[in-house]
Amino acid sequence: MFEKLFSKKNNKSEEIFAYASGTFVKIEDVPDPVFSEKSMGEGVAILPVDGQILAPADGEIILIAPTKHALALKTTLGEEILIHIGLETVNLGGQGINAFVKVGDKVLKGQKIIEIDLDFIKKNASSTVIPLVITNSEENRFDFQWENVREVKAGETKLFKATLK
């Protein structure tokens, strides 16, 4: 009993949900070494079946690339999450991508943040896979519990739980 009262262990955690509907892809299987080798951090990816991109957790938008191919949010737990729309999409100059948020906006899990023209991305990018990377995972502040999922539904399927160490 006293252990619970005087323990310094921090049990703050949050769940991260699917930001797109489709097929779950391990980050190691993303066909781009920047993601698959975890150069930017731990993460997951989704091969989308539609163009809806939702906030994976509550947080604040901290970055939107000028070409709208990537955006980042800082979650309430402090994770910095980058969502990268497809591969080689920076070359599209924002075409086929419509952002519904701006830097500084507070978002809630499941809120629509981006809509993509999936057919346009399929025709004009090397892949439609959408990696999600925790860019500050190398700080070793979080423990991750990854879910074993295959098909995911945006806003509903839990991808992982992060707990502060």
Protein backbone atom coordinates (compact mmCIF):
# COMPACT_ATOMS: atom_id res chain seq x y z
CA MET A 1 0.00 0.00 0.00
CA PHE A 2 2.74 2.48 0.95
CA GLU A 3 4.56 1.63 -2.25
CA LYS A 4 1.69 3.10 -4.25
CA LEU A 5 1.64 6.25 -2.11
CA PHE A 6 5.35 6.94 -2.29
CA SER A 7 6.23 5.53 -5.69
CA LYS A 8 7.78 8.00 -8.10
CA LYS A 9 6.68 5.94 -11.09
CA ASN A 10 4.68 8.02 -13.51
CA ASN A 11 1.79 6.10 -15.04
CA LYS A 12 0.59 8.79 -17.44
CA SER A 13 -0.29 7.25 -20.77
CA GLU A 14 -2.32 7.79 -23.91
CA GLU A 15 -3.70 5.65 -26.69
CA ILE A 16 -2.97 6.43 -30.33
CA PHE A 17 -5.67 5.48 -32.81
CA ALA A 18 -5.76 4.83 -36.55
CA TYR A 19 -5.55 8.09 -38.46
CA ALA A 20 -6.74 6.46 -41.69
CA SER A 21 -8.81 3.43 -42.64
CA GLY A 22 -7.01 0.63 -44.43
CA THR A 23 -4.32 -1.98 -43.94
CA PHE A 24 -1.84 -1.71 -41.08
CA VAL A 25 1.81 -1.75 -42.19
CA LYS A 26 4.79 -2.21 -39.87
CA ILE A 27 7.13 0.76 -40.09
CA GLU A 28 9.93 -1.66 -41.06
CA ASP A 29 7.90 -2.61 -44.17
CA VAL A 30 7.46 0.94 -45.50
CA PRO A 31 9.24 1.08 -48.90
CA ASP A 32 11.44 4.02 -47.91
CA PRO A 33 14.58 3.64 -45.77
CA VAL A 34 13.99 6.93 -43.91
CA PHE A 35 10.92 5.31 -42.36
CA SER A 36 11.79 1.58 -42.43
CA GLU A 37 15.15 2.11 -40.73
CA LYS A 38 13.45 4.34 -38.12
CA SER A 39 15.75 7.26 -38.93
CA MET A 40 13.01 9.65 -37.83
CA GLY A 41 11.80 7.50 -34.93
CA GLU A 42 9.44 4.69 -33.97
CA GLY A 43 6.15 4.42 -35.77
CA VAL A 44 3.56 2.61 -37.82
CA ALA A 45 1.99 3.04 -41.24
CA ILE A 46 -1.35 2.56 -42.95
CA LEU A 47 -2.11 1.78 -46.58
CA PRO A 48 -5.31 3.82 -46.91
CA VAL A 49 -8.57 2.79 -48.57
CA ASP A 50 -10.00 6.31 -48.66
CA GLY A 51 -8.84 9.91 -48.39
CA GLN A 52 -9.84 10.75 -44.83
CA ILE A 53 -7.01 11.51 -42.39
CA LEU A 54 -8.03 11.97 -38.75
CA ALA A 55 -6.15 13.11 -35.65
CA PRO A 56 -4.74 9.98 -33.95
CA ALA A 57 -4.93 11.61 -30.49
CA ASP A 58 -5.75 14.88 -28.76
CA GLY A 59 -3.07 17.49 -29.27
CA GLU A 60 -1.89 20.61 -31.04
CA ILE A 61 -0.79 20.97 -34.66
CA ILE A 62 2.87 22.00 -34.55
CA LEU A 63 3.84 21.70 -38.23
CA ILE A 64 2.27 21.62 -41.65
CA ALA A 65 4.69 21.34 -44.57
CA PRO A 66 4.17 24.06 -47.21
CA THR A 67 3.42 21.23 -49.65
CA LYS A 68 0.89 19.74 -47.16
CA HIS A 69 2.44 16.26 -47.60
CA ALA A 70 3.32 16.11 -43.89
CA LEU A 71 1.98 17.46 -40.65
CA ALA A 72 2.85 17.03 -37.02
CA LEU A 73 1.02 17.26 -33.75
CA LYS A 74 2.19 17.30 -30.18
CA THR A 75 -0.05 15.09 -28.07
CA THR A 76 -1.20 15.87 -24.56
CA LEU A 77 1.39 13.33 -23.30
CA GLY A 78 4.16 15.10 -25.21
CA GLU A 79 4.66 12.77 -28.15
CA GLU A 80 5.57 14.59 -31.35
CA ILE A 81 3.76 12.69 -34.07
CA LEU A 82 4.52 13.21 -37.76
CA ILE A 83 1.99 11.99 -40.34
CA HIS A 84 3.52 11.72 -43.81
CA ILE A 85 1.01 11.50 -46.68
CA GLY A 86 2.32 8.93 -49.14
CA LEU A 87 5.89 8.66 -50.42
CA GLU A 88 7.53 11.12 -52.79
CA THR A 89 4.50 13.39 -52.36
CA VAL A 90 6.58 16.48 -51.62
CA ASN A 91 7.01 16.69 -55.42
CA LEU A 92 3.24 17.19 -55.84
CA GLY A 93 3.43 20.69 -54.38
CA GLY A 94 0.27 20.20 -52.33
CA GLN A 95 -1.88 18.95 -55.20
CA GLY A 96 -4.38 16.31 -54.12
CA ILE A 97 -4.05 17.25 -50.43
CA ASN A 98 -6.47 19.48 -48.52
CA ALA A 99 -5.64 20.45 -44.91
CA PHE A 100 -8.46 21.32 -42.51
CA VAL A 101 -6.15 22.57 -39.74
CA LYS A 102 -3.37 25.10 -39.32
CA VAL A 103 -0.37 25.35 -37.01
CA GLY A 104 -1.50 26.12 -33.48
CA ASP A 105 -4.91 24.46 -33.82
CA LYS A 106 -5.96 22.15 -30.99
CA VAL A 107 -7.37 18.88 -32.30
CA LEU A 108 -9.29 16.00 -30.78
CA LYS A 109 -8.82 12.30 -31.52
CA GLY A 110 -10.90 11.43 -34.57
CA GLN A 111 -11.14 15.00 -35.89
CA LYS A 112 -10.69 15.30 -39.66
CA ILE A 113 -7.37 17.02 -40.29
CA ILE A 114 -6.60 16.22 -43.94
CA GLU A 115 -8.39 14.89 -46.97
CA ILE A 116 -6.47 13.46 -49.89
CA ASP A 117 -7.43 12.59 -53.43
CA LEU A 118 -6.32 8.97 -53.16
CA ASP A 119 -6.58 8.31 -56.91
CA PHE A 120 -4.41 11.36 -57.65
CA ILE A 121 -1.80 10.23 -55.11
CA LYS A 122 -1.84 6.68 -56.56
CA LYS A 123 -1.14 8.06 -60.05
CA ASN A 124 1.45 10.65 -59.08
CA ALA A 125 3.42 9.37 -56.08
CA SER A 126 5.56 6.29 -55.50
CA SER A 127 3.22 4.98 -52.78
CA THR A 128 0.02 5.89 -50.95
CA VAL A 129 1.26 4.43 -47.64
CA ILE A 130 0.92 6.92 -44.78
CA PRO A 131 3.63 6.56 -42.12
CA LEU A 132 3.12 7.92 -38.61
CA VAL A 133 6.38 8.54 -36.76
CA ILE A 134 6.97 9.59 -33.16
CA THR A 135 9.82 11.96 -33.94
CA ASN A 136 10.83 12.39 -30.30
CA SER A 137 10.87 8.65 -29.54
CA GLU A 138 14.69 8.69 -29.49
CA GLU A 139 14.47 10.79 -26.30
CA ASN A 140 13.52 7.50 -24.61
CA ARG A 141 10.73 9.14 -22.56
CA PHE A 142 8.01 6.71 -23.64
CA ASP A 143 7.30 3.01 -23.45
CA PHE A 144 5.20 1.75 -26.36
CA GLN A 145 2.73 -1.13 -26.38
CA TRP A 146 2.01 -1.95 -30.01
CA GLU A 147 -1.30 -3.55 -31.02
CA ASN A 148 -1.38 -6.57 -33.31
CA VAL A 149 -3.87 -5.39 -35.94
CA ARG A 150 -4.34 -5.90 -39.66
CA GLU A 151 -7.26 -3.87 -40.95
CA VAL A 152 -7.81 -0.54 -39.20
CA LYS A 153 -10.65 1.95 -39.08
CA ALA A 154 -9.85 5.64 -38.71
CA GLY A 155 -10.65 7.00 -35.27
CA GLU A 156 -11.64 3.58 -33.90
CA THR A 157 -8.75 1.08 -34.05
CA LYS A 158 -6.10 1.49 -31.35
CA LEU A 159 -2.59 1.30 -32.82
CA PHE A 160 -0.53 1.62 -29.66
CA LYS A 161 -0.38 2.91 -26.13
CA ALA A 162 2.42 5.24 -25.01
CA THR A 163 3.33 5.55 -21.35
CA LEU A 164 5.74 8.05 -19.83
CA LYS A 165 8.76 6.31 -18.30
